[in-house]
Amino acid sequence: MIRFIGAIILFCIISIYFFASSIPHGWSNLKNAAFNGFKNGSLSQEEGIFSSHPDYFTILAELNIASQKTVFDTTVSQIQNSNLKKVIDNNLDGTQNL
């Protein structure tokens, strides 16, 4: 009986620690997470990814696609967000060989 009560007390202590630390920590992470453009709906999912990771454009441009330049130009022309287009222009600077 003493072992059972001790196990319940230990379980309660661990549970209290878990809920008292993980829930507030998770909530603060959600509030402080980036991707504000995606969260407020001004960016699509793809625009949100590329605005936070501009180095993906080089990878996209170097994919094994028959007409890389056409695919890249089509993708860039479909982007509606002007700030994202500035990020693309600033990161590529016309130095990429497509």
N, C-alpha and C. Protein backbone atom coordinates (compact mmCIF):
# COMPACT_ATOMS: atom_id res chain seq x y z
N MET A 1 0.82 -1.20 0.00
CA MET A 1 0.00 0.00 0.00
C MET A 1 0.87 1.27 0.00
N ILE A 2 1.98 1.22 0.73
CA ILE A 2 2.87 2.38 0.80
C ILE A 2 3.49 2.65 -0.57
N ARG A 3 3.85 1.59 -1.29
CA ARG A 3 4.42 1.76 -2.63
C ARG A 3 3.39 2.37 -3.58
N PHE A 4 2.14 1.96 -3.46
CA PHE A 4 1.09 2.47 -4.32
C PHE A 4 0.87 3.97 -4.07
N ILE A 5 0.82 4.36 -2.83
CA ILE A 5 0.64 5.78 -2.48
C ILE A 5 1.86 6.58 -2.93
N GLY A 6 3.05 6.03 -2.74
CA GLY A 6 4.27 6.70 -3.19
C GLY A 6 4.29 6.88 -4.70
N ALA A 7 3.82 5.85 -5.43
CA ALA A 7 3.76 5.95 -6.89
C ALA A 7 2.76 7.02 -7.32
N ILE A 8 1.64 7.11 -6.65
CA ILE A 8 0.64 8.15 -6.98
C ILE A 8 1.20 9.53 -6.70
N ILE A 9 1.88 9.70 -5.59
CA ILE A 9 2.49 11.00 -5.27
C ILE A 9 3.55 11.37 -6.30
N LEU A 10 4.39 10.42 -6.69
CA LEU A 10 5.41 10.68 -7.70
C LEU A 10 4.76 11.02 -9.04
N PHE A 11 3.71 10.29 -9.41
CA PHE A 11 2.99 10.59 -10.64
C PHE A 11 2.40 12.00 -10.60
N CYS A 12 1.84 12.39 -9.48
CA CYS A 12 1.27 13.74 -9.34
C CYS A 12 2.34 14.81 -9.47
N ILE A 13 3.49 14.60 -8.88
CA ILE A 13 4.58 15.58 -8.96
C ILE A 13 5.06 15.72 -10.40
N ILE A 14 5.26 14.61 -11.08
CA ILE A 14 5.72 14.65 -12.47
C ILE A 14 4.65 15.28 -13.37
N SER A 15 3.39 14.94 -13.14
CA SER A 15 2.31 15.52 -13.95
C SER A 15 2.21 17.02 -13.76
N ILE A 16 2.30 17.47 -12.53
CA ILE A 16 2.24 18.91 -12.25
C ILE A 16 3.40 19.62 -12.93
N TYR A 17 4.60 19.06 -12.83
CA TYR A 17 5.76 19.66 -13.49
C TYR A 17 5.55 19.71 -15.00
N PHE A 18 5.07 18.63 -15.58
CA PHE A 18 4.86 18.57 -17.02
C PHE A 18 3.87 19.62 -17.47
N PHE A 19 2.70 19.67 -16.85
CA PHE A 19 1.68 20.63 -17.28
C PHE A 19 2.04 22.07 -16.94
N ALA A 20 2.75 22.27 -15.85
CA ALA A 20 3.13 23.64 -15.46
C ALA A 20 4.25 24.18 -16.33
N SER A 21 5.03 23.31 -16.98
CA SER A 21 6.13 23.81 -17.80
C SER A 21 5.85 23.71 -19.30
N SER A 22 5.27 22.62 -19.74
CA SER A 22 5.12 22.43 -21.19
C SER A 22 4.01 23.27 -21.80
N ILE A 23 2.90 23.40 -21.14
CA ILE A 23 1.80 24.18 -21.72
C ILE A 23 2.16 25.66 -21.83
N PRO A 24 2.67 26.31 -20.78
CA PRO A 24 3.07 27.72 -20.96
C PRO A 24 4.21 27.90 -21.97
N HIS A 25 5.15 26.97 -21.99
CA HIS A 25 6.26 27.04 -22.94
C HIS A 25 5.74 26.92 -24.37
N GLY A 26 4.86 25.96 -24.60
CA GLY A 26 4.28 25.79 -25.93
C GLY A 26 3.46 26.99 -26.36
N TRP A 27 2.72 27.56 -25.45
CA TRP A 27 1.91 28.74 -25.77
C TRP A 27 2.80 29.93 -26.13
N SER A 28 3.87 30.14 -25.39
CA SER A 28 4.76 31.26 -25.70
C SER A 28 5.47 31.03 -27.03
N ASN A 29 5.77 29.78 -27.37
CA ASN A 29 6.38 29.50 -28.67
C ASN A 29 5.41 29.83 -29.80
N LEU A 30 4.14 29.50 -29.62
CA LEU A 30 3.15 29.81 -30.65
C LEU A 30 2.99 31.32 -30.82
N LYS A 31 2.99 32.05 -29.73
CA LYS A 31 2.82 33.50 -29.82
C LYS A 31 4.03 34.17 -30.44
N ASN A 32 5.21 33.64 -30.21
CA ASN A 32 6.44 34.27 -30.69
C ASN A 32 6.90 33.73 -32.03
N ALA A 33 6.20 32.77 -32.60
CA ALA A 33 6.62 32.18 -33.87
C ALA A 33 6.54 33.23 -34.98
N ALA A 34 7.39 33.07 -35.95
CA ALA A 34 7.43 34.02 -37.06
C ALA A 34 6.33 33.72 -38.06
N PHE A 35 6.55 33.97 -39.31
CA PHE A 35 5.59 33.74 -40.38
C PHE A 35 4.35 34.60 -40.22
N ASN A 36 4.54 35.86 -39.81
CA ASN A 36 3.39 36.74 -39.61
C ASN A 36 2.61 36.97 -40.90
N GLY A 37 3.29 37.06 -42.01
CA GLY A 37 2.59 37.23 -43.29
C GLY A 37 1.67 36.07 -43.60
N PHE A 38 2.13 34.87 -43.29
CA PHE A 38 1.30 33.69 -43.53
C PHE A 38 0.15 33.64 -42.53
N LYS A 39 0.44 34.00 -41.26
CA LYS A 39 -0.60 33.93 -40.23
C LYS A 39 -1.73 34.92 -40.49
N ASN A 40 -1.40 36.10 -40.98
CA ASN A 40 -2.48 37.07 -41.20
C ASN A 40 -3.07 36.99 -42.61
N GLY A 41 -2.62 36.04 -43.42
CA GLY A 41 -3.24 35.77 -44.70
C GLY A 41 -2.72 36.59 -45.86
N SER A 42 -1.68 37.39 -45.67
CA SER A 42 -1.16 38.19 -46.77
C SER A 42 -0.22 37.39 -47.68
N LEU A 43 0.24 36.22 -47.22
CA LEU A 43 1.11 35.36 -48.03
C LEU A 43 0.47 33.98 -48.14
N SER A 44 0.65 33.36 -49.29
CA SER A 44 0.22 31.96 -49.43
C SER A 44 1.25 31.08 -48.73
N GLN A 45 0.99 29.78 -48.71
CA GLN A 45 1.93 28.86 -48.07
C GLN A 45 3.29 28.90 -48.75
N GLU A 46 3.30 28.88 -50.08
CA GLU A 46 4.56 28.88 -50.81
C GLU A 46 5.30 30.21 -50.62
N GLU A 47 4.57 31.32 -50.67
CA GLU A 47 5.21 32.62 -50.47
C GLU A 47 5.78 32.73 -49.07
N GLY A 48 5.09 32.17 -48.08
CA GLY A 48 5.60 32.19 -46.71
C GLY A 48 6.89 31.42 -46.57
N ILE A 49 6.96 30.28 -47.23
CA ILE A 49 8.18 29.46 -47.16
C ILE A 49 9.35 30.20 -47.80
N PHE A 50 9.14 30.75 -49.00
CA PHE A 50 10.24 31.38 -49.71
C PHE A 50 10.61 32.74 -49.13
N SER A 51 9.68 33.42 -48.47
CA SER A 51 10.04 34.70 -47.86
C SER A 51 10.91 34.49 -46.62
N SER A 52 10.71 33.35 -45.93
CA SER A 52 11.52 33.09 -44.75
C SER A 52 12.80 32.33 -45.07
N HIS A 53 12.89 31.75 -46.26
CA HIS A 53 14.09 31.00 -46.68
C HIS A 53 14.47 31.42 -48.10
N PRO A 54 15.02 32.61 -48.29
CA PRO A 54 15.34 33.06 -49.65
C PRO A 54 16.43 32.22 -50.32
N ASP A 55 17.19 31.45 -49.54
CA ASP A 55 18.22 30.61 -50.15
C ASP A 55 17.63 29.44 -50.94
N TYR A 56 16.32 29.19 -50.82
CA TYR A 56 15.68 28.14 -51.60
C TYR A 56 15.61 28.48 -53.08
N PHE A 57 15.70 29.76 -53.44
CA PHE A 57 15.59 30.13 -54.85
C PHE A 57 16.75 29.56 -55.66
N THR A 58 17.93 29.55 -55.10
CA THR A 58 19.07 28.98 -55.79
C THR A 58 18.85 27.49 -56.03
N ILE A 59 18.33 26.79 -55.04
CA ILE A 59 18.05 25.36 -55.19
C ILE A 59 16.99 25.15 -56.25
N LEU A 60 15.94 25.97 -56.21
CA LEU A 60 14.87 25.86 -57.20
C LEU A 60 15.41 26.09 -58.60
N ALA A 61 16.29 27.06 -58.74
CA ALA A 61 16.82 27.38 -60.06
C ALA A 61 17.76 26.30 -60.58
N GLU A 62 18.34 25.49 -59.70
CA GLU A 62 19.29 24.48 -60.13
C GLU A 62 18.70 23.08 -60.21
N LEU A 63 17.39 22.98 -60.10
CA LEU A 63 16.76 21.68 -60.23
C LEU A 63 16.98 21.12 -61.63
N ASN A 64 16.88 19.83 -61.74
CA ASN A 64 17.08 19.18 -63.03
C ASN A 64 15.79 19.25 -63.85
N ILE A 65 15.52 20.43 -64.38
CA ILE A 65 14.33 20.68 -65.18
C ILE A 65 14.82 21.07 -66.58
N ALA A 66 14.10 20.63 -67.58
CA ALA A 66 14.53 20.89 -68.95
C ALA A 66 14.63 22.38 -69.24
N SER A 67 13.64 23.15 -68.84
CA SER A 67 13.67 24.60 -69.08
C SER A 67 13.61 25.32 -67.75
N GLN A 68 14.73 25.35 -67.05
CA GLN A 68 14.79 25.95 -65.71
C GLN A 68 14.39 27.41 -65.72
N LYS A 69 14.88 28.16 -66.67
CA LYS A 69 14.60 29.59 -66.71
C LYS A 69 13.11 29.86 -66.88
N THR A 70 12.46 29.09 -67.74
CA THR A 70 11.02 29.28 -67.96
C THR A 70 10.23 28.99 -66.69
N VAL A 71 10.55 27.89 -66.04
CA VAL A 71 9.85 27.52 -64.81
C VAL A 71 10.09 28.57 -63.73
N PHE A 72 11.32 29.01 -63.59
CA PHE A 72 11.64 30.01 -62.57
C PHE A 72 10.95 31.33 -62.86
N ASP A 73 11.01 31.80 -64.11
CA ASP A 73 10.36 33.06 -64.46
C ASP A 73 8.86 32.99 -64.27
N THR A 74 8.25 31.86 -64.60
CA THR A 74 6.81 31.69 -64.41
C THR A 74 6.45 31.74 -62.93
N THR A 75 7.25 31.07 -62.11
CA THR A 75 7.00 31.06 -60.67
C THR A 75 7.13 32.45 -60.09
N VAL A 76 8.16 33.17 -60.46
CA VAL A 76 8.38 34.52 -59.94
C VAL A 76 7.28 35.46 -60.42
N SER A 77 6.82 35.31 -61.65
CA SER A 77 5.78 36.20 -62.16
C SER A 77 4.43 35.98 -61.47
N GLN A 78 4.22 34.81 -60.88
CA GLN A 78 2.96 34.52 -60.21
C GLN A 78 2.93 35.01 -58.77
N ILE A 79 4.04 35.47 -58.26
CA ILE A 79 4.08 35.96 -56.88
C ILE A 79 3.41 37.32 -56.82
N GLN A 80 2.44 37.45 -55.92
CA GLN A 80 1.67 38.68 -55.81
C GLN A 80 2.29 39.69 -54.86
N ASN A 81 3.06 39.21 -53.89
CA ASN A 81 3.59 40.07 -52.84
C ASN A 81 4.81 40.84 -53.34
N SER A 82 4.74 42.18 -53.31
CA SER A 82 5.84 42.99 -53.83
C SER A 82 7.08 42.91 -52.93
N ASN A 83 6.87 42.75 -51.61
CA ASN A 83 8.02 42.62 -50.71
C ASN A 83 8.79 41.33 -50.98
N LEU A 84 8.06 40.28 -51.29
CA LEU A 84 8.72 39.02 -51.60
C LEU A 84 9.49 39.13 -52.91
N LYS A 85 8.96 39.85 -53.89
CA LYS A 85 9.68 40.04 -55.14
C LYS A 85 10.99 40.82 -54.90
N LYS A 86 10.96 41.77 -53.96
CA LYS A 86 12.18 42.51 -53.62
C LYS A 86 13.21 41.57 -52.99
N VAL A 87 12.74 40.64 -52.15
CA VAL A 87 13.66 39.67 -51.53
C VAL A 87 14.32 38.82 -52.60
N ILE A 88 13.52 38.39 -53.59
CA ILE A 88 14.06 37.58 -54.68
C ILE A 88 15.11 38.37 -55.46
N ASP A 89 14.78 39.59 -55.82
CA ASP A 89 15.72 40.41 -56.59
C ASP A 89 17.00 40.68 -55.81
N ASN A 90 16.88 40.94 -54.51
CA ASN A 90 18.06 41.22 -53.69
C ASN A 90 18.94 40.00 -53.51
N ASN A 91 18.35 38.81 -53.49
CA ASN A 91 19.14 37.61 -53.26
C ASN A 91 19.72 37.03 -54.52
N LEU A 92 19.09 37.26 -55.66
CA LEU A 92 19.61 36.70 -56.89
C LEU A 92 20.58 37.66 -57.59
N ASP A 93 20.29 38.93 -57.56
CA ASP A 93 21.15 39.97 -58.14
C ASP A 93 21.58 39.70 -59.57
N GLY A 94 20.85 38.87 -60.27
CA GLY A 94 21.20 38.58 -61.66
C GLY A 94 22.46 37.78 -61.84
N THR A 95 23.00 37.21 -60.77
CA THR A 95 24.25 36.46 -60.87
C THR A 95 24.02 34.97 -61.06
N GLN A 96 22.77 34.55 -61.04
CA GLN A 96 22.50 33.11 -61.17
C GLN A 96 22.55 32.71 -62.63
N ASN A 97 23.12 31.58 -62.90
CA ASN A 97 23.16 31.04 -64.26
C ASN A 97 22.01 30.07 -64.40
N LEU A 98 20.98 30.50 -65.10
CA LEU A 98 19.82 29.62 -65.26
C LEU A 98 19.85 28.98 -66.61
